[in-house]
Amino acid sequence: MRLDEMLRGIAGFFVLGSLALGHWVHPGFYLFTAFVGLNLLQSAFTCWCPMISLLRALGVRE
């Protein structure tokens, strides 16, 4: 799996996971959903995403 595909998969997992946790465990998990959304929005404007930096450090290929 390449970097872009992995990033999209992780973002989708985080969003769906935090929505499920917010529904079944505690509504505070919706804040994590908002954090992921804000991070995706800021990365669209700044072309920098912390998760990409982490994945590159872990050796995921472009």
N, C-alpha and C. Protein backbone atom coordinates (compact mmCIF):
# COMPACT_ATOMS: atom_id res chain seq x y z
N MET A 1 0.86 -1.17 0.00
CA MET A 1 0.00 0.00 0.00
C MET A 1 0.91 1.23 0.00
N ARG A 2 0.57 2.19 -0.83
CA ARG A 2 1.36 3.40 -0.93
C ARG A 2 0.92 4.42 0.12
N LEU A 3 1.70 5.50 0.23
CA LEU A 3 1.50 6.51 1.26
C LEU A 3 0.12 7.15 1.20
N ASP A 4 -0.30 7.60 0.01
CA ASP A 4 -1.60 8.27 -0.12
C ASP A 4 -2.75 7.34 0.24
N GLU A 5 -2.66 6.11 -0.22
CA GLU A 5 -3.73 5.15 0.08
C GLU A 5 -3.79 4.83 1.58
N MET A 6 -2.60 4.71 2.19
CA MET A 6 -2.57 4.42 3.61
C MET A 6 -3.12 5.60 4.41
N LEU A 7 -2.78 6.81 4.01
CA LEU A 7 -3.28 8.00 4.70
C LEU A 7 -4.80 8.08 4.64
N ARG A 8 -5.37 7.84 3.47
CA ARG A 8 -6.83 7.87 3.34
C ARG A 8 -7.48 6.77 4.17
N GLY A 9 -6.87 5.60 4.20
CA GLY A 9 -7.41 4.50 4.99
C GLY A 9 -7.38 4.81 6.49
N ILE A 10 -6.28 5.39 6.95
CA ILE A 10 -6.16 5.73 8.37
C ILE A 10 -7.18 6.81 8.73
N ALA A 11 -7.32 7.83 7.89
CA ALA A 11 -8.29 8.90 8.16
C ALA A 11 -9.71 8.34 8.21
N GLY A 12 -10.05 7.49 7.26
CA GLY A 12 -11.38 6.88 7.26
C GLY A 12 -11.62 6.03 8.49
N PHE A 13 -10.62 5.25 8.89
CA PHE A 13 -10.73 4.42 10.08
C PHE A 13 -10.92 5.28 11.33
N PHE A 14 -10.13 6.38 11.43
CA PHE A 14 -10.27 7.27 12.58
C PHE A 14 -11.65 7.91 12.65
N VAL A 15 -12.17 8.35 11.51
CA VAL A 15 -13.48 9.00 11.50
C VAL A 15 -14.57 8.00 11.88
N LEU A 16 -14.58 6.85 11.21
CA LEU A 16 -15.62 5.86 11.52
C LEU A 16 -15.49 5.31 12.93
N GLY A 17 -14.26 5.08 13.37
CA GLY A 17 -14.04 4.58 14.73
C GLY A 17 -14.49 5.57 15.79
N SER A 18 -14.15 6.84 15.60
CA SER A 18 -14.54 7.84 16.60
C SER A 18 -16.04 8.10 16.58
N LEU A 19 -16.67 7.98 15.42
CA LEU A 19 -18.14 8.10 15.38
C LEU A 19 -18.80 6.95 16.14
N ALA A 20 -18.28 5.75 15.94
CA ALA A 20 -18.84 4.59 16.66
C ALA A 20 -18.62 4.73 18.17
N LEU A 21 -17.41 5.15 18.57
CA LEU A 21 -17.14 5.33 19.99
C LEU A 21 -18.01 6.45 20.58
N GLY A 22 -18.22 7.50 19.81
CA GLY A 22 -19.07 8.59 20.28
C GLY A 22 -20.52 8.15 20.46
N HIS A 23 -20.96 7.26 19.62
CA HIS A 23 -22.34 6.78 19.70
C HIS A 23 -22.53 5.78 20.83
N TRP A 24 -21.58 4.82 20.96
CA TRP A 24 -21.78 3.72 21.90
C TRP A 24 -21.06 3.89 23.24
N VAL A 25 -20.03 4.73 23.29
CA VAL A 25 -19.26 4.82 24.52
C VAL A 25 -19.48 6.16 25.22
N HIS A 26 -19.06 7.25 24.57
CA HIS A 26 -19.17 8.58 25.19
C HIS A 26 -19.14 9.64 24.09
N PRO A 27 -20.03 10.62 24.16
CA PRO A 27 -20.07 11.66 23.12
C PRO A 27 -18.79 12.48 23.00
N GLY A 28 -17.92 12.43 23.99
CA GLY A 28 -16.66 13.16 23.90
C GLY A 28 -15.77 12.69 22.75
N PHE A 29 -15.98 11.46 22.28
CA PHE A 29 -15.20 10.96 21.16
C PHE A 29 -15.51 11.71 19.86
N TYR A 30 -16.61 12.42 19.81
CA TYR A 30 -16.91 13.23 18.62
C TYR A 30 -15.88 14.34 18.44
N LEU A 31 -15.23 14.74 19.52
CA LEU A 31 -14.17 15.74 19.41
C LEU A 31 -13.00 15.21 18.58
N PHE A 32 -12.72 13.93 18.68
CA PHE A 32 -11.67 13.34 17.86
C PHE A 32 -12.06 13.37 16.39
N THR A 33 -13.34 13.14 16.10
CA THR A 33 -13.82 13.23 14.72
C THR A 33 -13.59 14.64 14.20
N ALA A 34 -13.91 15.64 15.00
CA ALA A 34 -13.69 17.03 14.60
C ALA A 34 -12.21 17.32 14.40
N PHE A 35 -11.35 16.77 15.25
CA PHE A 35 -9.91 16.96 15.11
C PHE A 35 -9.41 16.40 13.79
N VAL A 36 -9.85 15.21 13.43
CA VAL A 36 -9.43 14.60 12.17
C VAL A 36 -9.91 15.45 10.99
N GLY A 37 -11.15 15.91 11.05
CA GLY A 37 -11.67 16.76 9.98
C GLY A 37 -10.90 18.06 9.85
N LEU A 38 -10.59 18.69 10.97
CA LEU A 38 -9.81 19.93 10.93
C LEU A 38 -8.40 19.69 10.40
N ASN A 39 -7.81 18.57 10.76
CA ASN A 39 -6.49 18.24 10.26
C ASN A 39 -6.52 18.03 8.75
N LEU A 40 -7.54 17.35 8.25
CA LEU A 40 -7.66 17.16 6.80
C LEU A 40 -7.85 18.50 6.09
N LEU A 41 -8.62 19.38 6.69
CA LEU A 41 -8.84 20.70 6.10
C LEU A 41 -7.56 21.53 6.08
N GLN A 42 -6.84 21.56 7.19
CA GLN A 42 -5.61 22.35 7.22
C GLN A 42 -4.57 21.77 6.27
N SER A 43 -4.52 20.46 6.12
CA SER A 43 -3.53 19.87 5.21
C SER A 43 -3.85 20.19 3.75
N ALA A 44 -5.11 20.43 3.45
CA ALA A 44 -5.47 20.83 2.09
C ALA A 44 -4.91 22.21 1.75
N PHE A 45 -4.79 23.07 2.75
CA PHE A 45 -4.30 24.43 2.51
C PHE A 45 -2.79 24.56 2.71
N THR A 46 -2.22 23.79 3.62
CA THR A 46 -0.80 23.94 3.93
C THR A 46 0.08 22.89 3.26
N CYS A 47 -0.53 21.84 2.70
CA CYS A 47 0.20 20.72 2.08
C CYS A 47 1.13 20.03 3.08
N TRP A 48 0.77 20.04 4.35
CA TRP A 48 1.53 19.34 5.39
C TRP A 48 0.56 18.59 6.29
N CYS A 49 0.85 17.34 6.53
CA CYS A 49 0.02 16.51 7.39
C CYS A 49 0.93 15.76 8.35
N PRO A 50 0.68 15.85 9.65
CA PRO A 50 1.52 15.14 10.62
C PRO A 50 1.55 13.62 10.39
N MET A 51 0.45 13.05 9.95
CA MET A 51 0.40 11.60 9.74
C MET A 51 1.33 11.19 8.59
N ILE A 52 1.44 12.02 7.56
CA ILE A 52 2.36 11.71 6.46
C ILE A 52 3.80 11.70 6.97
N SER A 53 4.13 12.67 7.82
CA SER A 53 5.48 12.70 8.40
C SER A 53 5.75 11.44 9.21
N LEU A 54 4.77 10.99 9.97
CA LEU A 54 4.91 9.78 10.77
C LEU A 54 5.06 8.55 9.88
N LEU A 55 4.24 8.46 8.85
CA LEU A 55 4.31 7.30 7.95
C LEU A 55 5.64 7.26 7.21
N ARG A 56 6.15 8.41 6.79
CA ARG A 56 7.45 8.45 6.13
C ARG A 56 8.55 8.00 7.09
N ALA A 57 8.47 8.43 8.35
CA ALA A 57 9.46 8.01 9.33
C ALA A 57 9.41 6.51 9.58
N LEU A 58 8.23 5.92 9.39
CA LEU A 58 8.08 4.48 9.57
C LEU A 58 8.49 3.69 8.32
N GLY A 59 8.83 4.42 7.24
CA GLY A 59 9.35 3.77 6.05
C GLY A 59 8.32 3.43 5.00
N VAL A 60 7.14 4.02 5.06
CA VAL A 60 6.13 3.76 4.03
C VAL A 60 6.57 4.45 2.75
N ARG A 61 6.51 3.72 1.64
CA ARG A 61 6.99 4.28 0.37
C ARG A 61 5.95 5.19 -0.26
N GLU A 62 6.43 6.10 -1.06
CA GLU A 62 5.57 7.08 -1.73
C GLU A 62 4.67 6.39 -2.68
